[in-house]
C-alpha cells in the first residue's frame, strides 16, 4: 500500500486545487423581444419576456417617477380639502 513519506503543506495542496478550478465567463444571449443581452434561461431584465412570453411587468424609471409625482399631487389635494 502506498503511503506518502511526508505531509503535504497547505500551500502546496491549495496550489494543486487552484490549478483545476477555472472560472468560466457567463454565456450571454440576445433577448428575442428587445435585443438586449441577457443570461441564458433567465427572464430579460429590460422587457420581462422569457421564451417569447411576457412573464414580468417591468416599469421603467420614468414610469416610477411619474407615479410618484401623481401620488404627491393627490396628497396635496387631500390636504387642501
Protein backbone atom coordinates (compact mmCIF):
# COMPACT_ATOMS: atom_id res chain seq x y z
CA UNK A 1 0.00 0.00 0.00
CA UNK A 2 1.35 3.43 -0.99
CA UNK A 3 1.88 5.84 1.88
CA UNK A 4 3.25 9.38 1.50
CA UNK A 5 6.66 9.93 3.12
CA UNK A 6 5.90 13.49 4.22
CA UNK A 7 2.84 15.62 4.90
CA UNK A 8 1.78 17.86 2.06
CA UNK A 9 1.70 21.53 3.13
CA UNK A 10 -1.49 23.58 2.99
CA UNK A 11 0.08 25.87 0.42
CA UNK A 12 1.00 23.02 -1.91
CA UNK A 13 -2.45 21.45 -1.54
CA UNK A 14 -4.11 24.79 -2.29
CA UNK A 15 -1.96 25.32 -5.38
CA UNK A 16 -2.92 21.94 -6.77
CA UNK A 17 -6.61 22.53 -6.16
CA UNK A 18 -6.45 26.02 -7.69
CA UNK A 19 -4.90 24.64 -10.86
CA UNK A 20 -8.08 22.66 -11.52
CA UNK A 21 -10.55 25.43 -10.65
CA UNK A 22 -11.19 27.61 -13.66
CA UNK A 23 -13.70 30.43 -13.83
CA UNK A 24 -15.81 30.32 -16.97
CA UNK A 25 -17.47 33.51 -18.19
CA UNK A 26 -21.28 33.69 -18.23
CA UNK A 27 -22.80 32.94 -21.60
CA UNK A 28 -24.96 35.79 -22.80
CA UNK A 29 -27.65 35.66 -25.47
CA UNK A 30 -29.80 38.31 -27.11
CA UNK A 31 -33.39 38.74 -26.00
CA UNK A 32 -35.86 37.74 -28.70
CA UNK A 33 -38.09 40.76 -27.95
CA UNK A 34 -35.86 43.75 -27.24
CA UNK A 35 -32.45 42.54 -28.46
CA UNK A 36 -30.65 43.33 -25.18
CA UNK A 37 -28.04 40.85 -23.96
CA UNK A 38 -29.23 38.60 -21.14
CA UNK A 39 -28.14 35.43 -19.33
CA UNK A 40 -29.38 32.14 -20.74
CA UNK A 41 -32.55 30.65 -19.23
CA UNK A 42 -33.31 33.85 -17.28
CA UNK A 43 -36.10 36.41 -17.70
CA UNK A 44 -34.96 39.54 -19.56
CA UNK A 45 -34.47 42.37 -17.06
CA UNK A 46 -35.30 45.04 -19.65
CA UNK A 47 -38.61 43.87 -21.14
CA UNK A 48 -39.71 40.99 -18.86
CA UNK A 49 -40.05 38.33 -21.59
CA UNK A 50 -38.92 34.71 -21.33
CA UNK A 51 -39.36 32.21 -24.14
CA UNK A 52 -41.42 34.66 -26.21
CA UNK A 53 -43.98 35.16 -23.43
CA UNK A 54 -44.48 38.15 -21.11
CA UNK A 55 -43.60 36.92 -17.61
CA UNK A 56 -42.90 40.11 -15.62
CA UNK A 57 -44.39 43.56 -15.75
CA UNK A 58 -41.34 45.82 -15.61
CA UNK A 59 -41.65 49.55 -15.03
CA UNK A 60 -39.09 51.99 -16.33
CA UNK A 61 -37.54 54.67 -14.14
CA UNK A 62 -39.64 57.30 -15.90
CA UNK A 63 -42.87 55.42 -15.14
CA UNK A 64 -41.92 55.15 -11.47
CA UNK A 65 -41.10 58.86 -11.32
CA UNK A 66 -44.44 59.82 -12.88
CA UNK A 67 -46.36 57.60 -10.43
CA UNK A 68 -44.51 59.17 -7.51
CA UNK A 69 -45.37 62.67 -8.73
CA UNK A 70 -49.03 61.72 -9.15
CA UNK A 71 -49.15 60.38 -5.60
CA UNK A 72 -47.59 63.61 -4.30
CA UNK A 73 -50.19 65.71 -6.17
CA UNK A 74 -53.02 63.58 -4.82
CA UNK A 75 -51.69 64.03 -1.28
CA UNK A 76 -51.54 67.80 -1.70
CA UNK A 77 -55.11 67.90 -3.00
CA UNK A 78 -56.28 65.85 0.00
CA UNK A 79 -54.61 68.27 2.41
CA UNK A 80 -56.25 71.28 0.73
CA UNK A 81 -59.74 69.76 1.08
